[in-house]
Structure formats: C-alpha cells, structure tokens
Amino acid sequence: MGRVMGTVLYGLLMVATIVGVDLFIFRHHFLARLLVNVGIVLIFGAFYLRFHASIGHH
C-alpha cells in the first residue's frame, strides 16, 4: 500500500506543479504553457523512472 500511496502523491505533486506554473507564470501564453507542461511531465517521468520505480527492485 505504501508504494501505491507514494505514486499517488507523486502524481498529485506533478499536477499541482503544472497548475501552479500555468496560473502564476504562463496564464496568457498558450504555446509556452503547452511546451512547459510537456517539459514538466517529462522531468517528473524521468525522476519517477530513476528513483521511484527503482525502489521496488532493491
């Protein structure tokens, strides 16, 4: 259950980061907002694969 909860919290952190960046920085810039959102998802995905997913293998 702890691994699932960690994944859910990680997903919520990613969503909160995306929404925060959208609202506070790129509110009126659609293309920039889209590109930054894709970048954020890729960075979170890379960290997930590097750190969170490898925890189960140790």
PDB file of N, CA and C in Angstrom:
ATOM      1  N   MET A   1       0.822  -1.201   0.000  1.00  0.00           N
ATOM      2  CA  MET A   1       0.000   0.000   0.000  1.00  0.00           C
ATOM      3  C   MET A   1       0.855   1.249   0.000  1.00  0.00           C
ATOM      4  N   GLY A   2       2.041   1.210   0.593  1.00  0.00           N
ATOM      5  CA  GLY A   2       2.907   2.377   0.651  1.00  0.00           C
ATOM      6  C   GLY A   2       3.393   2.813  -0.717  1.00  0.00           C
ATOM      7  N   ARG A   3       3.684   1.847  -1.583  1.00  0.00           N
ATOM      8  CA  ARG A   3       4.153   2.163  -2.932  1.00  0.00           C
ATOM      9  C   ARG A   3       3.067   2.841  -3.748  1.00  0.00           C
ATOM     10  N   VAL A   4       1.841   2.374  -3.607  1.00  0.00           N
ATOM     11  CA  VAL A   4       0.722   2.986  -4.323  1.00  0.00           C
ATOM     12  C   VAL A   4       0.487   4.406  -3.812  1.00  0.00           C
ATOM     13  N   MET A   5       0.552   4.587  -2.513  1.00  0.00           N
ATOM     14  CA  MET A   5       0.352   5.915  -1.938  1.00  0.00           C
ATOM     15  C   MET A   5       1.452   6.872  -2.396  1.00  0.00           C
ATOM     16  N   GLY A   6       2.677   6.400  -2.468  1.00  0.00           N
ATOM     17  CA  GLY A   6       3.774   7.231  -2.958  1.00  0.00           C
ATOM     18  C   GLY A   6       3.564   7.653  -4.403  1.00  0.00           C
ATOM     19  N   THR A   7       3.090   6.729  -5.232  1.00  0.00           N
ATOM     20  CA  THR A   7       2.822   7.033  -6.632  1.00  0.00           C
ATOM     21  C   THR A   7       1.699   8.055  -6.758  1.00  0.00           C
ATOM     22  N   VAL A   8       0.661   7.898  -5.966  1.00  0.00           N
ATOM     23  CA  VAL A   8      -0.462   8.846  -5.993  1.00  0.00           C
ATOM     24  C   VAL A   8       0.002  10.230  -5.545  1.00  0.00           C
ATOM     25  N   LEU A   9       0.779  10.305  -4.478  1.00  0.00           N
ATOM     26  CA  LEU A   9       1.280  11.595  -4.010  1.00  0.00           C
ATOM     27  C   LEU A   9       2.207  12.230  -5.043  1.00  0.00           C
ATOM     28  N   TYR A  10       3.023  11.430  -5.698  1.00  0.00           N
ATOM     29  CA  TYR A  10       3.909  11.932  -6.745  1.00  0.00           C
ATOM     30  C   TYR A  10       3.093  12.510  -7.900  1.00  0.00           C
ATOM     31  N   GLY A  11       2.034  11.825  -8.291  1.00  0.00           N
ATOM     32  CA  GLY A  11       1.144  12.321  -9.345  1.00  0.00           C
ATOM     33  C   GLY A  11       0.461  13.614  -8.948  1.00  0.00           C
ATOM     34  N   LEU A  12       0.016  13.699  -7.707  1.00  0.00           N
ATOM     35  CA  LEU A  12      -0.615  14.922  -7.231  1.00  0.00           C
ATOM     36  C   LEU A  12       0.374  16.086  -7.192  1.00  0.00           C
ATOM     37  N   LEU A  13       1.609  15.810  -6.822  1.00  0.00           N
ATOM     38  CA  LEU A  13       2.646  16.838  -6.826  1.00  0.00           C
ATOM     39  C   LEU A  13       2.893  17.339  -8.247  1.00  0.00           C
ATOM     40  N   MET A  14       2.900  16.439  -9.210  1.00  0.00           N
ATOM     41  CA  MET A  14       3.091  16.837 -10.604  1.00  0.00           C
ATOM     42  C   MET A  14       1.942  17.715 -11.079  1.00  0.00           C
ATOM     43  N   VAL A  15       0.722  17.318 -10.775  1.00  0.00           N
ATOM     44  CA  VAL A  15      -0.451  18.109 -11.177  1.00  0.00           C
ATOM     45  C   VAL A  15      -0.423  19.482 -10.517  1.00  0.00           C
ATOM     46  N   ALA A  16      -0.085  19.541  -9.236  1.00  0.00           N
ATOM     47  CA  ALA A  16      -0.015  20.821  -8.538  1.00  0.00           C
ATOM     48  C   ALA A  16       1.055  21.716  -9.146  1.00  0.00           C
ATOM     49  N   THR A  17       2.182  21.139  -9.530  1.00  0.00           N
ATOM     50  CA  THR A  17       3.247  21.914 -10.165  1.00  0.00           C
ATOM     51  C   THR A  17       2.781  22.486 -11.496  1.00  0.00           C
ATOM     52  N   ILE A  18       2.137  21.672 -12.302  1.00  0.00           N
ATOM     53  CA  ILE A  18       1.652  22.119 -13.608  1.00  0.00           C
ATOM     54  C   ILE A  18       0.614  23.222 -13.447  1.00  0.00           C
ATOM     55  N   VAL A  19      -0.337  23.035 -12.559  1.00  0.00           N
ATOM     56  CA  VAL A  19      -1.385  24.043 -12.352  1.00  0.00           C
ATOM     57  C   VAL A  19      -0.775  25.336 -11.816  1.00  0.00           C
ATOM     58  N   GLY A  20       0.166  25.233 -10.888  1.00  0.00           N
ATOM     59  CA  GLY A  20       0.802  26.424 -10.336  1.00  0.00           C
ATOM     60  C   GLY A  20       1.555  27.211 -11.394  1.00  0.00           C
ATOM     61  N   VAL A  21       2.319  26.514 -12.223  1.00  0.00           N
ATOM     62  CA  VAL A  21       3.052  27.188 -13.292  1.00  0.00           C
ATOM     63  C   VAL A  21       2.077  27.813 -14.285  1.00  0.00           C
ATOM     64  N   ASP A  22       1.017  27.099 -14.633  1.00  0.00           N
ATOM     65  CA  ASP A  22       0.022  27.633 -15.564  1.00  0.00           C
ATOM     66  C   ASP A  22      -0.616  28.914 -15.039  1.00  0.00           C
ATOM     67  N   LEU A  23      -1.028  28.894 -13.798  1.00  0.00           N
ATOM     68  CA  LEU A  23      -1.769  30.032 -13.256  1.00  0.00           C
ATOM     69  C   LEU A  23      -0.889  31.236 -12.951  1.00  0.00           C
ATOM     70  N   PHE A  24       0.317  31.004 -12.464  1.00  0.00           N
ATOM     71  CA  PHE A  24       1.129  32.113 -11.985  1.00  0.00           C
ATOM     72  C   PHE A  24       2.134  32.651 -12.998  1.00  0.00           C
ATOM     73  N   ILE A  25       2.504  31.856 -13.990  1.00  0.00           N
ATOM     74  CA  ILE A  25       3.551  32.307 -14.909  1.00  0.00           C
ATOM     75  C   ILE A  25       3.047  32.426 -16.345  1.00  0.00           C
ATOM     76  N   PHE A  26       2.389  31.398 -16.857  1.00  0.00           N
ATOM     77  CA  PHE A  26       2.050  31.352 -18.280  1.00  0.00           C
ATOM     78  C   PHE A  26       0.549  31.445 -18.532  1.00  0.00           C
ATOM     79  N   ARG A  27      -0.145  32.274 -17.802  1.00  0.00           N
ATOM     80  CA  ARG A  27      -1.600  32.346 -17.900  1.00  0.00           C
ATOM     81  C   ARG A  27      -2.077  32.682 -19.313  1.00  0.00           C
ATOM     82  N   HIS A  28      -1.451  33.625 -19.986  1.00  0.00           N
ATOM     83  CA  HIS A  28      -1.952  34.105 -21.276  1.00  0.00           C
ATOM     84  C   HIS A  28      -1.057  33.719 -22.457  1.00  0.00           C
ATOM     85  N   HIS A  29      -0.240  32.706 -22.270  1.00  0.00           N
ATOM     86  CA  HIS A  29       0.683  32.282 -23.327  1.00  0.00           C
ATOM     87  C   HIS A  29       0.465  30.798 -23.599  1.00  0.00           C
ATOM     88  N   PHE A  30      -0.443  30.497 -24.533  1.00  0.00           N
ATOM     89  CA  PHE A  30      -0.860  29.114 -24.746  1.00  0.00           C
ATOM     90  C   PHE A  30       0.282  28.208 -25.179  1.00  0.00           C
ATOM     91  N   LEU A  31       1.029  28.596 -26.197  1.00  0.00           N
ATOM     92  CA  LEU A  31       2.074  27.715 -26.717  1.00  0.00           C
ATOM     93  C   LEU A  31       3.189  27.511 -25.688  1.00  0.00           C
ATOM     94  N   ALA A  32       3.592  28.572 -25.024  1.00  0.00           N
ATOM     95  CA  ALA A  32       4.619  28.444 -23.986  1.00  0.00           C
ATOM     96  C   ALA A  32       4.120  27.552 -22.855  1.00  0.00           C
ATOM     97  N   ARG A  33       2.863  27.710 -22.472  1.00  0.00           N
ATOM     98  CA  ARG A  33       2.291  26.888 -21.404  1.00  0.00           C
ATOM     99  C   ARG A  33       2.274  25.421 -21.796  1.00  0.00           C
ATOM    100  N   LEU A  34       1.907  25.137 -23.037  1.00  0.00           N
ATOM    101  CA  LEU A  34       1.873  23.757 -23.517  1.00  0.00           C
ATOM    102  C   LEU A  34       3.271  23.137 -23.491  1.00  0.00           C
ATOM    103  N   LEU A  35       4.256  23.878 -23.992  1.00  0.00           N
ATOM    104  CA  LEU A  35       5.621  23.356 -24.025  1.00  0.00           C
ATOM    105  C   LEU A  35       6.177  23.142 -22.624  1.00  0.00           C
ATOM    106  N   VAL A  36       5.920  24.066 -21.720  1.00  0.00           N
ATOM    107  CA  VAL A  36       6.409  23.916 -20.348  1.00  0.00           C
ATOM    108  C   VAL A  36       5.720  22.741 -19.660  1.00  0.00           C
ATOM    109  N   ASN A  37       4.422  22.563 -19.907  1.00  0.00           N
ATOM    110  CA  ASN A  37       3.705  21.430 -19.309  1.00  0.00           C
ATOM    111  C   ASN A  37       4.283  20.102 -19.786  1.00  0.00           C
ATOM    112  N   VAL A  38       4.579  20.005 -21.066  1.00  0.00           N
ATOM    113  CA  VAL A  38       5.183  18.778 -21.596  1.00  0.00           C
ATOM    114  C   VAL A  38       6.548  18.562 -20.943  1.00  0.00           C
ATOM    115  N   GLY A  39       7.324  19.632 -20.804  1.00  0.00           N
ATOM    116  CA  GLY A  39       8.621  19.529 -20.153  1.00  0.00           C
ATOM    117  C   GLY A  39       8.521  19.071 -18.712  1.00  0.00           C
ATOM    118  N   ILE A  40       7.551  19.607 -17.988  1.00  0.00           N
ATOM    119  CA  ILE A  40       7.355  19.212 -16.588  1.00  0.00           C
ATOM    120  C   ILE A  40       7.002  17.734 -16.496  1.00  0.00           C
ATOM    121  N   VAL A  41       6.124  17.280 -17.353  1.00  0.00           N
ATOM    122  CA  VAL A  41       5.738  15.870 -17.344  1.00  0.00           C
ATOM    123  C   VAL A  41       6.941  14.985 -17.665  1.00  0.00           C
ATOM    124  N   LEU A  42       7.767  15.396 -18.631  1.00  0.00           N
ATOM    125  CA  LEU A  42       8.955  14.608 -18.969  1.00  0.00           C
ATOM    126  C   LEU A  42       9.948  14.563 -17.813  1.00  0.00           C
ATOM    127  N   ILE A  43      10.139  15.691 -17.140  1.00  0.00           N
ATOM    128  CA  ILE A  43      11.054  15.715 -15.997  1.00  0.00           C
ATOM    129  C   ILE A  43      10.534  14.846 -14.867  1.00  0.00           C
ATOM    130  N   PHE A  44       9.243  14.969 -14.546  1.00  0.00           N
ATOM    131  CA  PHE A  44       8.670  14.124 -13.497  1.00  0.00           C
ATOM    132  C   PHE A  44       8.753  12.655 -13.885  1.00  0.00           C
ATOM    133  N   GLY A  45       8.523  12.350 -15.161  1.00  0.00           N
ATOM    134  CA  GLY A  45       8.618  10.966 -15.619  1.00  0.00           C
ATOM    135  C   GLY A  45      10.028  10.419 -15.481  1.00  0.00           C
ATOM    136  N   ALA A  46      11.009  11.241 -15.821  1.00  0.00           N
ATOM    137  CA  ALA A  46      12.405  10.803 -15.694  1.00  0.00           C
ATOM    138  C   ALA A  46      12.768  10.548 -14.234  1.00  0.00           C
ATOM    139  N   PHE A  47      12.362  11.452 -13.339  1.00  0.00           N
ATOM    140  CA  PHE A  47      12.640  11.243 -11.920  1.00  0.00           C
ATOM    141  C   PHE A  47      11.896  10.018 -11.388  1.00  0.00           C
ATOM    142  N   TYR A  48      10.680   9.800 -11.854  1.00  0.00           N
ATOM    143  CA  TYR A  48       9.919   8.623 -11.418  1.00  0.00           C
ATOM    144  C   TYR A  48      10.644   7.350 -11.828  1.00  0.00           C
ATOM    145  N   LEU A  49      11.056   7.300 -13.087  1.00  0.00           N
ATOM    146  CA  LEU A  49      11.734   6.091 -13.560  1.00  0.00           C
ATOM    147  C   LEU A  49      13.074   5.892 -12.879  1.00  0.00           C
ATOM    148  N   ARG A  50      13.773   6.972 -12.582  1.00  0.00           N
ATOM    149  CA  ARG A  50      15.113   6.858 -11.998  1.00  0.00           C
ATOM    150  C   ARG A  50      15.054   6.489 -10.528  1.00  0.00           C
ATOM    151  N   PHE A  51      14.167   7.119  -9.764  1.00  0.00           N
ATOM    152  CA  PHE A  51      14.192   6.959  -8.321  1.00  0.00           C
ATOM    153  C   PHE A  51      13.036   6.114  -7.781  1.00  0.00           C
ATOM    154  N   HIS A  52      11.810   6.458  -8.139  1.00  0.00           N
ATOM    155  CA  HIS A  52      10.665   5.788  -7.537  1.00  0.00           C
ATOM    156  C   HIS A  52      10.512   4.349  -8.049  1.00  0.00           C
ATOM    157  N   ALA A  53      10.632   4.155  -9.348  1.00  0.00           N
ATOM    158  CA  ALA A  53      10.437   2.816  -9.900  1.00  0.00           C
ATOM    159  C   ALA A  53      11.563   1.869  -9.492  1.00  0.00           C
ATOM    160  N   SER A  54      12.755   2.395  -9.257  1.00  0.00           N
ATOM    161  CA  SER A  54      13.865   1.522  -8.897  1.00  0.00           C
ATOM    162  C   SER A  54      13.828   1.094  -7.434  1.00  0.00           C
ATOM    163  N   ILE A  55      13.000   1.722  -6.625  1.00  0.00           N
ATOM    164  CA  ILE A  55      12.901   1.371  -5.195  1.00  0.00           C
ATOM    165  C   ILE A  55      12.405  -0.064  -5.032  1.00  0.00           C
ATOM    166  N   GLY A  56      11.494  -0.482  -5.885  1.00  0.00           N
ATOM    167  CA  GLY A  56      10.945  -1.827  -5.775  1.00  0.00           C
ATOM    168  C   GLY A  56      11.931  -2.919  -6.126  1.00  0.00           C
ATOM    169  N   HIS A  57      13.028  -2.593  -6.801  1.00  0.00           N
ATOM    170  CA  HIS A  57      13.998  -3.592  -7.216  1.00  0.00           C
ATOM    171  C   HIS A  57      15.077  -3.845  -6.189  1.00  0.00           C
ATOM    172  N   HIS A  58      15.128  -3.054  -5.115  1.00  0.00           N
ATOM    173  CA  HIS A  58      16.167  -3.236  -4.083  1.00  0.00           C
ATOM    174  C   HIS A  58      15.667  -4.048  -2.924  1.00  0.00           C
TER     175      HIS A  58
END
